[in-house]
Amino acid sequence: MTIVDRLKMELQKEYLTDENYITLLSENGLTDTDTYDKTTHQRDLLYTVVDVLEIVSNDIDLMRKVETDFATTSEASAYLEKRIEKIKQRIYEISDDETDSNITLLFRKSY
């Protein structure tokens, strides 16, 4: 499975275009056509998921697409905020045994 396919699976819904996904993956150090490897790609993929969901939550037109699953835009917004926080928690819990040290923790991407 390619990284972009795994991203789409994680998102469970098409929010953006493939071009947008590829750009966001690249910004997080991933190549869309590479084969997904959980041990090396999971954290950066989850950063990309957070980026996508934050884009959706900040764009009212995209939010309206999400709103179809909810009664109001505010419900959709609350859902996205909860989902973003859950993903951030997953990122935090991922152990990176080779690089976990006080110094590398200072330089990790944080949200």
N, C-alpha and C. Protein backbone atom coordinates (compact mmCIF):
# COMPACT_ATOMS: atom_id res chain seq x y z
N MET A 1 0.85 -1.17 0.00
CA MET A 1 0.00 0.00 0.00
C MET A 1 0.90 1.24 0.00
N THR A 2 0.57 2.21 -0.83
CA THR A 2 1.37 3.43 -0.87
C THR A 2 1.02 4.33 0.31
N ILE A 3 1.89 5.28 0.56
CA ILE A 3 1.68 6.20 1.68
C ILE A 3 0.42 7.03 1.46
N VAL A 4 0.18 7.48 0.24
CA VAL A 4 -1.02 8.29 0.00
C VAL A 4 -2.29 7.45 0.19
N ASP A 5 -2.24 6.17 -0.17
CA ASP A 5 -3.40 5.29 0.06
C ASP A 5 -3.64 5.10 1.55
N ARG A 6 -2.56 4.97 2.31
CA ARG A 6 -2.69 4.81 3.77
C ARG A 6 -3.24 6.08 4.40
N LEU A 7 -2.83 7.24 3.88
CA LEU A 7 -3.36 8.52 4.35
C LEU A 7 -4.87 8.57 4.14
N LYS A 8 -5.31 8.19 2.96
CA LYS A 8 -6.74 8.21 2.65
C LYS A 8 -7.51 7.25 3.55
N MET A 9 -6.90 6.11 3.83
CA MET A 9 -7.55 5.14 4.71
C MET A 9 -7.68 5.71 6.13
N GLU A 10 -6.66 6.39 6.58
CA GLU A 10 -6.69 7.00 7.92
C GLU A 10 -7.75 8.11 8.00
N LEU A 11 -7.86 8.88 6.94
CA LEU A 11 -8.83 9.98 6.92
C LEU A 11 -10.27 9.49 6.80
N GLN A 12 -10.48 8.38 6.14
CA GLN A 12 -11.80 7.77 5.96
C GLN A 12 -12.75 8.58 5.09
N LYS A 13 -12.27 9.68 4.54
CA LYS A 13 -13.12 10.53 3.72
C LYS A 13 -12.21 11.38 2.84
N GLU A 14 -12.65 11.66 1.62
CA GLU A 14 -11.88 12.51 0.71
C GLU A 14 -12.17 13.97 1.05
N TYR A 15 -11.22 14.61 1.70
CA TYR A 15 -11.37 16.03 2.05
C TYR A 15 -10.74 16.94 1.00
N LEU A 16 -9.58 16.54 0.49
CA LEU A 16 -8.80 17.37 -0.43
C LEU A 16 -8.48 16.59 -1.70
N THR A 17 -7.81 17.24 -2.62
CA THR A 17 -7.39 16.56 -3.85
C THR A 17 -6.11 15.76 -3.59
N ASP A 18 -5.83 14.82 -4.47
CA ASP A 18 -4.59 14.05 -4.35
C ASP A 18 -3.37 14.97 -4.38
N GLU A 19 -3.44 16.01 -5.20
CA GLU A 19 -2.33 16.97 -5.28
C GLU A 19 -2.08 17.62 -3.91
N ASN A 20 -3.14 17.98 -3.22
CA ASN A 20 -3.00 18.56 -1.89
C ASN A 20 -2.42 17.55 -0.91
N TYR A 21 -2.89 16.30 -0.98
CA TYR A 21 -2.35 15.25 -0.10
C TYR A 21 -0.86 15.05 -0.34
N ILE A 22 -0.46 15.03 -1.61
CA ILE A 22 0.94 14.83 -1.97
C ILE A 22 1.80 15.97 -1.41
N THR A 23 1.31 17.19 -1.52
CA THR A 23 2.03 18.34 -0.99
C THR A 23 2.20 18.24 0.52
N LEU A 24 1.12 17.91 1.22
CA LEU A 24 1.19 17.80 2.68
C LEU A 24 2.09 16.65 3.11
N LEU A 25 2.02 15.53 2.41
CA LEU A 25 2.92 14.41 2.72
C LEU A 25 4.37 14.84 2.55
N SER A 26 4.65 15.55 1.47
CA SER A 26 6.01 16.01 1.21
C SER A 26 6.49 16.96 2.31
N GLU A 27 5.61 17.85 2.75
CA GLU A 27 5.96 18.78 3.83
C GLU A 27 6.30 18.05 5.12
N ASN A 28 5.76 16.85 5.27
CA ASN A 28 6.03 16.05 6.47
C ASN A 28 7.08 14.96 6.22
N GLY A 29 7.83 15.11 5.14
CA GLY A 29 8.96 14.22 4.87
C GLY A 29 8.60 12.88 4.27
N LEU A 30 7.43 12.77 3.66
CA LEU A 30 6.99 11.50 3.07
C LEU A 30 6.81 11.64 1.56
N THR A 31 7.02 10.53 0.86
CA THR A 31 6.80 10.47 -0.58
C THR A 31 5.56 9.63 -0.83
N ASP A 32 4.60 10.19 -1.53
CA ASP A 32 3.29 9.56 -1.72
C ASP A 32 3.36 8.17 -2.34
N THR A 33 4.33 7.92 -3.22
CA THR A 33 4.39 6.65 -3.93
C THR A 33 5.18 5.57 -3.20
N ASP A 34 5.85 5.93 -2.12
CA ASP A 34 6.60 4.93 -1.34
C ASP A 34 5.63 3.95 -0.70
N THR A 35 6.10 2.74 -0.45
CA THR A 35 5.29 1.74 0.25
C THR A 35 5.25 2.11 1.73
N TYR A 36 4.05 2.10 2.29
CA TYR A 36 3.87 2.48 3.70
C TYR A 36 4.50 1.46 4.62
N ASP A 37 5.31 1.95 5.56
CA ASP A 37 5.92 1.12 6.59
C ASP A 37 5.58 1.77 7.93
N LYS A 38 4.76 1.11 8.71
CA LYS A 38 4.26 1.68 9.96
C LYS A 38 5.39 2.11 10.89
N THR A 39 6.45 1.32 10.98
CA THR A 39 7.51 1.64 11.93
C THR A 39 8.25 2.93 11.58
N THR A 40 8.34 3.26 10.32
CA THR A 40 9.08 4.47 9.95
C THR A 40 8.20 5.63 9.47
N HIS A 41 6.98 5.35 9.09
CA HIS A 41 6.14 6.39 8.50
C HIS A 41 4.95 6.84 9.35
N GLN A 42 4.60 6.08 10.38
CA GLN A 42 3.35 6.35 11.10
C GLN A 42 3.28 7.76 11.69
N ARG A 43 4.32 8.18 12.38
CA ARG A 43 4.27 9.50 13.02
C ARG A 43 4.08 10.60 11.98
N ASP A 44 4.87 10.58 10.91
CA ASP A 44 4.75 11.62 9.88
C ASP A 44 3.42 11.56 9.15
N LEU A 45 2.89 10.36 8.98
CA LEU A 45 1.57 10.22 8.37
C LEU A 45 0.51 10.86 9.27
N LEU A 46 0.61 10.63 10.57
CA LEU A 46 -0.36 11.21 11.49
C LEU A 46 -0.23 12.73 11.55
N TYR A 47 0.99 13.26 11.42
CA TYR A 47 1.16 14.71 11.31
C TYR A 47 0.40 15.22 10.09
N THR A 48 0.46 14.47 9.00
CA THR A 48 -0.23 14.85 7.77
C THR A 48 -1.74 14.81 7.97
N VAL A 49 -2.23 13.81 8.68
CA VAL A 49 -3.66 13.71 8.98
C VAL A 49 -4.11 14.94 9.76
N VAL A 50 -3.33 15.33 10.76
CA VAL A 50 -3.66 16.52 11.54
C VAL A 50 -3.68 17.75 10.63
N ASP A 51 -2.69 17.87 9.75
CA ASP A 51 -2.66 19.00 8.81
C ASP A 51 -3.94 19.06 7.97
N VAL A 52 -4.35 17.91 7.45
CA VAL A 52 -5.57 17.86 6.61
C VAL A 52 -6.78 18.28 7.43
N LEU A 53 -6.93 17.72 8.62
CA LEU A 53 -8.11 18.04 9.44
C LEU A 53 -8.11 19.50 9.88
N GLU A 54 -6.94 20.07 10.12
CA GLU A 54 -6.88 21.49 10.47
C GLU A 54 -7.25 22.37 9.28
N ILE A 55 -6.85 21.96 8.08
CA ILE A 55 -7.25 22.70 6.88
C ILE A 55 -8.77 22.66 6.74
N VAL A 56 -9.35 21.50 6.93
CA VAL A 56 -10.80 21.37 6.83
C VAL A 56 -11.50 22.23 7.87
N SER A 57 -11.01 22.18 9.10
CA SER A 57 -11.67 22.93 10.17
C SER A 57 -11.53 24.44 10.01
N ASN A 58 -10.55 24.88 9.21
CA ASN A 58 -10.35 26.32 8.99
C ASN A 58 -10.96 26.83 7.69
N ASP A 59 -11.60 25.96 6.93
CA ASP A 59 -12.19 26.35 5.65
C ASP A 59 -13.69 26.05 5.69
N ILE A 60 -14.50 27.08 5.69
CA ILE A 60 -15.94 26.92 5.85
C ILE A 60 -16.56 26.09 4.73
N ASP A 61 -16.04 26.20 3.50
CA ASP A 61 -16.59 25.42 2.40
C ASP A 61 -16.30 23.93 2.59
N LEU A 62 -15.08 23.62 3.01
CA LEU A 62 -14.76 22.21 3.30
C LEU A 62 -15.56 21.73 4.51
N MET A 63 -15.76 22.61 5.46
CA MET A 63 -16.52 22.25 6.66
C MET A 63 -17.96 21.87 6.29
N ARG A 64 -18.50 22.53 5.31
CA ARG A 64 -19.87 22.21 4.88
C ARG A 64 -19.97 20.79 4.34
N LYS A 65 -18.88 20.30 3.70
CA LYS A 65 -18.87 18.92 3.23
C LYS A 65 -18.92 17.97 4.42
N VAL A 66 -18.19 18.31 5.47
CA VAL A 66 -18.18 17.48 6.68
C VAL A 66 -19.52 17.61 7.40
N GLU A 67 -20.10 18.80 7.33
CA GLU A 67 -21.34 19.08 8.04
C GLU A 67 -22.47 18.15 7.62
N THR A 68 -22.41 17.58 6.42
CA THR A 68 -23.48 16.72 5.96
C THR A 68 -23.68 15.52 6.90
N ASP A 69 -22.65 15.15 7.63
CA ASP A 69 -22.75 14.06 8.60
C ASP A 69 -23.25 14.53 9.96
N PHE A 70 -23.41 15.83 10.12
CA PHE A 70 -23.80 16.43 11.40
C PHE A 70 -24.95 17.40 11.20
N ALA A 71 -25.59 17.76 12.28
CA ALA A 71 -26.72 18.67 12.19
C ALA A 71 -26.28 20.11 11.91
N THR A 72 -25.14 20.51 12.46
CA THR A 72 -24.69 21.89 12.30
C THR A 72 -23.18 21.94 12.05
N THR A 73 -22.74 23.10 11.61
CA THR A 73 -21.32 23.32 11.41
C THR A 73 -20.58 23.24 12.74
N SER A 74 -21.19 23.74 13.80
CA SER A 74 -20.51 23.70 15.10
C SER A 74 -20.32 22.26 15.58
N GLU A 75 -21.26 21.37 15.29
CA GLU A 75 -21.09 19.95 15.64
C GLU A 75 -19.94 19.34 14.83
N ALA A 76 -19.88 19.68 13.55
CA ALA A 76 -18.79 19.18 12.70
C ALA A 76 -17.45 19.70 13.20
N SER A 77 -17.42 20.96 13.58
CA SER A 77 -16.19 21.56 14.10
C SER A 77 -15.75 20.88 15.40
N ALA A 78 -16.69 20.62 16.28
CA ALA A 78 -16.37 19.95 17.55
C ALA A 78 -15.85 18.54 17.29
N TYR A 79 -16.46 17.84 16.33
CA TYR A 79 -15.99 16.50 15.98
C TYR A 79 -14.55 16.55 15.47
N LEU A 80 -14.26 17.49 14.57
CA LEU A 80 -12.91 17.60 14.02
C LEU A 80 -11.90 17.93 15.12
N GLU A 81 -12.26 18.82 16.03
CA GLU A 81 -11.35 19.16 17.13
C GLU A 81 -11.05 17.94 18.00
N LYS A 82 -12.07 17.15 18.29
CA LYS A 82 -11.87 15.93 19.09
C LYS A 82 -10.96 14.95 18.34
N ARG A 83 -11.22 14.81 17.06
CA ARG A 83 -10.42 13.88 16.26
C ARG A 83 -8.97 14.32 16.18
N ILE A 84 -8.74 15.61 16.01
CA ILE A 84 -7.38 16.14 15.97
C ILE A 84 -6.67 15.86 17.30
N GLU A 85 -7.34 16.08 18.40
CA GLU A 85 -6.73 15.84 19.71
C GLU A 85 -6.42 14.35 19.91
N LYS A 86 -7.30 13.47 19.45
CA LYS A 86 -7.02 12.03 19.57
C LYS A 86 -5.80 11.64 18.74
N ILE A 87 -5.67 12.21 17.56
CA ILE A 87 -4.52 11.90 16.71
C ILE A 87 -3.24 12.45 17.33
N LYS A 88 -3.31 13.64 17.89
CA LYS A 88 -2.14 14.20 18.56
C LYS A 88 -1.71 13.31 19.72
N GLN A 89 -2.67 12.76 20.43
CA GLN A 89 -2.35 11.83 21.52
C GLN A 89 -1.68 10.57 20.98
N ARG A 90 -2.17 10.06 19.86
CA ARG A 90 -1.53 8.90 19.23
C ARG A 90 -0.09 9.21 18.84
N ILE A 91 0.14 10.39 18.29
CA ILE A 91 1.49 10.79 17.91
C ILE A 91 2.38 10.82 19.14
N TYR A 92 1.88 11.38 20.20
CA TYR A 92 2.64 11.49 21.44
C TYR A 92 3.01 10.11 21.99
N GLU A 93 2.11 9.14 21.81
CA GLU A 93 2.33 7.81 22.37
C GLU A 93 3.25 6.92 21.52
N ILE A 94 3.51 7.32 20.29
CA ILE A 94 4.38 6.52 19.43
C ILE A 94 5.80 6.59 19.97
N SER A 95 6.36 5.46 20.22
CA SER A 95 7.73 5.40 20.72
C SER A 95 8.68 5.36 19.54
N ASP A 96 9.70 6.14 19.64
CA ASP A 96 10.76 6.15 18.63
C ASP A 96 12.04 5.76 19.35
N ASP A 97 12.18 4.46 19.64
CA ASP A 97 13.22 3.95 20.51
C ASP A 97 14.62 4.42 20.14
N GLU A 98 14.91 4.52 18.86
CA GLU A 98 16.26 4.88 18.45
C GLU A 98 16.59 6.33 18.75
N THR A 99 15.59 7.19 18.76
CA THR A 99 15.88 8.61 18.90
C THR A 99 15.28 9.24 20.14
N ASP A 100 14.62 8.48 21.00
CA ASP A 100 14.05 9.06 22.20
C ASP A 100 15.16 9.45 23.16
N SER A 101 15.36 10.71 23.28
CA SER A 101 16.29 11.24 24.25
C SER A 101 15.84 12.65 24.56
N ASN A 102 16.38 13.24 25.58
CA ASN A 102 15.98 14.59 25.94
C ASN A 102 16.26 15.58 24.82
N ILE A 103 17.35 15.38 24.09
CA ILE A 103 17.71 16.31 23.03
C ILE A 103 16.77 16.17 21.84
N THR A 104 16.50 14.95 21.38
CA THR A 104 15.63 14.80 20.22
C THR A 104 14.21 15.19 20.53
N LEU A 105 13.78 15.04 21.76
CA LEU A 105 12.42 15.45 22.11
C LEU A 105 12.25 16.96 21.97
N LEU A 106 13.33 17.71 22.13
CA LEU A 106 13.26 19.16 21.96
C LEU A 106 12.99 19.56 20.53
N PHE A 107 13.44 18.73 19.58
CA PHE A 107 13.36 19.10 18.18
C PHE A 107 12.26 18.42 17.41
N ARG A 108 11.49 17.59 18.04
CA ARG A 108 10.38 16.94 17.36
C ARG A 108 9.32 17.95 16.98
N LYS A 109 8.67 17.67 15.89
CA LYS A 109 7.55 18.50 15.47
C LYS A 109 6.46 18.37 16.51
N SER A 110 5.92 19.48 16.96
CA SER A 110 4.86 19.40 17.95
C SER A 110 3.66 20.21 17.47
N TYR A 111 2.51 19.80 17.93
CA TYR A 111 1.27 20.48 17.59
C TYR A 111 0.62 20.97 18.82
